[in-house]
C-alpha atoms as a PDB file:
ATOM      1  CA  UNK A   1    -145.745 -20.676  58.341  1.00  0.00           C
ATOM      2  CA  UNK A   2    -142.964 -18.755  59.302  1.00  0.00           C
ATOM      3  CA  UNK A   3    -140.496 -18.714  56.776  1.00  0.00           C
ATOM      4  CA  UNK A   4    -136.594 -17.209  58.142  1.00  0.00           C
ATOM      5  CA  UNK A   5    -133.579 -16.687  56.286  1.00  0.00           C
ATOM      6  CA  UNK A   6    -131.578 -19.393  57.139  1.00  0.00           C
ATOM      7  CA  UNK A   7    -134.594 -22.450  57.083  1.00  0.00           C
ATOM      8  CA  UNK A   8    -134.335 -25.054  54.755  1.00  0.00           C
ATOM      9  CA  UNK A   9    -137.114 -25.908  52.242  1.00  0.00           C
ATOM     10  CA  UNK A  10    -137.761 -29.151  50.339  1.00  0.00           C
ATOM     11  CA  UNK A  11    -138.149 -27.691  46.260  1.00  0.00           C
ATOM     12  CA  UNK A  12    -142.150 -29.827  45.345  1.00  0.00           C
ATOM     13  CA  UNK A  13    -142.374 -28.589  42.129  1.00  0.00           C
ATOM     14  CA  UNK A  14    -140.337 -27.526  38.841  1.00  0.00           C
ATOM     15  CA  UNK A  15    -137.094 -29.804  37.309  1.00  0.00           C
ATOM     16  CA  UNK A  16    -135.632 -29.237  40.927  1.00  0.00           C
ATOM     17  CA  UNK A  17    -138.293 -31.078  42.398  1.00  0.00           C
ATOM     18  CA  UNK A  18    -137.288 -32.553  45.396  1.00  0.00           C
ATOM     19  CA  UNK A  19    -133.790 -31.021  46.062  1.00  0.00           C
ATOM     20  CA  UNK A  20    -133.073 -28.683  49.413  1.00  0.00           C
ATOM     21  CA  UNK A  21    -132.267 -25.299  49.793  1.00  0.00           C
ATOM     22  CA  UNK A  22    -131.407 -22.055  51.761  1.00  0.00           C
ATOM     23  CA  UNK A  23    -133.443 -19.724  52.603  1.00  0.00           C
ATOM     24  CA  UNK A  24    -131.724 -16.744  51.675  1.00  0.00           C
ATOM     25  CA  UNK A  25    -135.179 -13.692  51.412  1.00  0.00           C
ATOM     26  CA  UNK A  26    -138.595 -13.860  52.556  1.00  0.00           C
ATOM     27  CA  UNK A  27    -141.222 -11.868  50.760  1.00  0.00           C
ATOM     28  CA  UNK A  28    -145.184 -12.148  50.827  1.00  0.00           C
ATOM     29  CA  UNK A  29    -145.107 -14.944  48.548  1.00  0.00           C
ATOM     30  CA  UNK A  30    -141.992 -15.998  47.204  1.00  0.00           C
ATOM     31  CA  UNK A  31    -138.481 -17.593  49.043  1.00  0.00           C
ATOM     32  CA  UNK A  32    -135.148 -16.913  47.170  1.00  0.00           C
ATOM     33  CA  UNK A  33    -133.147 -20.080  48.100  1.00  0.00           C
ATOM     34  CA  UNK A  34    -129.834 -21.728  46.898  1.00  0.00           C
ATOM     35  CA  UNK A  35    -128.055 -24.668  47.419  1.00  0.00           C
ATOM     36  CA  UNK A  36    -124.235 -23.445  47.003  1.00  0.00           C
ATOM     37  CA  UNK A  37    -124.528 -25.866  43.999  1.00  0.00           C
ATOM     38  CA  UNK A  38    -126.852 -25.296  41.083  1.00  0.00           C
ATOM     39  CA  UNK A  39    -128.097 -22.527  42.752  1.00  0.00           C
ATOM     40  CA  UNK A  40    -125.257 -20.252  44.445  1.00  0.00           C
ATOM     41  CA  UNK A  41    -125.745 -16.789  46.110  1.00  0.00           C
ATOM     42  CA  UNK A  42    -124.265 -14.565  43.042  1.00  0.00           C
ATOM     43  CA  UNK A  43    -127.298 -16.925  41.381  1.00  0.00           C
ATOM     44  CA  UNK A  44    -130.528 -17.584  43.672  1.00  0.00           C
ATOM     45  CA  UNK A  45    -133.434 -19.617  42.643  1.00  0.00           C
ATOM     46  CA  UNK A  46    -136.943 -17.213  43.617  1.00  0.00           C
ATOM     47  CA  UNK A  47    -139.734 -19.954  44.039  1.00  0.00           C
ATOM     48  CA  UNK A  48    -143.435 -19.190  45.322  1.00  0.00           C
ATOM     49  CA  UNK A  49    -144.021 -20.836  49.060  1.00  0.00           C
ATOM     50  CA  UNK A  50    -146.850 -23.015  47.681  1.00  0.00           C
ATOM     51  CA  UNK A  51    -144.372 -24.930  45.866  1.00  0.00           C
ATOM     52  CA  UNK A  52    -141.204 -26.099  48.910  1.00  0.00           C
ATOM     53  CA  UNK A  53    -141.971 -27.265  51.892  1.00  0.00           C
ATOM     54  CA  UNK A  54    -141.140 -25.728  54.709  1.00  0.00           C
ATOM     55  CA  UNK A  55    -138.340 -28.095  56.992  1.00  0.00           C
ATOM     56  CA  UNK A  56    -138.356 -26.822  60.565  1.00  0.00           C
ATOM     57  CA  UNK A  57    -134.626 -27.151  60.931  1.00  0.00           C
ATOM     58  CA  UNK A  58    -132.293 -24.123  60.459  1.00  0.00           C
ATOM     59  CA  UNK A  59    -128.190 -25.054  60.461  1.00  0.00           C
ATOM     60  CA  UNK A  60    -126.420 -23.649  63.254  1.00  0.00           C
ATOM     61  CA  UNK A  61    -124.124 -20.375  62.517  1.00  0.00           C
ATOM     62  CA  UNK A  62    -126.032 -19.971  59.196  1.00  0.00           C
ATOM     63  CA  UNK A  63    -128.324 -17.116  59.189  1.00  0.00           C
ATOM     64  CA  UNK A  64    -125.679 -15.144  61.675  1.00  0.00           C
ATOM     65  CA  UNK A  65    -122.874 -15.673  58.695  1.00  0.00           C
ATOM     66  CA  UNK A  66    -125.874 -14.132  56.582  1.00  0.00           C
ATOM     67  CA  UNK A  67    -127.015 -11.130  58.083  1.00  0.00           C
ATOM     68  CA  UNK A  68    -122.893 -10.258  58.310  1.00  0.00           C
ATOM     69  CA  UNK A  69    -122.432 -10.844  54.662  1.00  0.00           C
ATOM     70  CA  UNK A  70    -119.466 -13.746  55.201  1.00  0.00           C
ATOM     71  CA  UNK A  71    -122.218 -16.759  53.827  1.00  0.00           C
ATOM     72  CA  UNK A  72    -120.259 -18.319  51.432  1.00  0.00           C
ATOM     73  CA  UNK A  73    -121.530 -21.315  48.912  1.00  0.00           C
ATOM     74  CA  UNK A  74    -119.631 -24.048  50.991  1.00  0.00           C
ATOM     75  CA  UNK A  75    -121.261 -23.015  53.608  1.00  0.00           C
ATOM     76  CA  UNK A  76    -124.706 -23.988  51.810  1.00  0.00           C
ATOM     77  CA  UNK A  77    -123.481 -27.008  51.225  1.00  0.00           C
ATOM     78  CA  UNK A  78    -121.789 -28.075  54.458  1.00  0.00           C
ATOM     79  CA  UNK A  79    -124.722 -27.527  55.945  1.00  0.00           C
ATOM     80  CA  UNK A  80    -127.304 -28.978  53.967  1.00  0.00           C
ATOM     81  CA  UNK A  81    -125.328 -32.447  53.537  1.00  0.00           C
ATOM     82  CA  UNK A  82    -125.051 -32.320  57.803  1.00  0.00           C
ATOM     83  CA  UNK A  83    -128.801 -32.454  57.271  1.00  0.00           C
ATOM     84  CA  UNK A  84    -129.091 -34.726  55.253  1.00  0.00           C
ATOM     85  CA  UNK A  85    -126.221 -37.084  57.020  1.00  0.00           C
ATOM     86  CA  UNK A  86    -128.733 -36.670  60.212  1.00  0.00           C
ATOM     87  CA  UNK A  87    -132.323 -37.198  59.285  1.00  0.00           C
END
């Protein structure tokens, strides 16, 4: 599985099981995720890859804004809400 910046993941383990996040950073066995509400861009959460389920969906424009440093918590909230409404 390819974990990429900007992709959605669902938490499988922990007190946040079932929550949807957006990948902010990716490393060998962990991903740094945020959702704009409980986990903001200022205080993201590190999760082991085996504890998240990859959702093969990348909201339009999220990766570009992330790479440019223009991504906001409101963008994350909007992208996750749009995904939930359309799935």
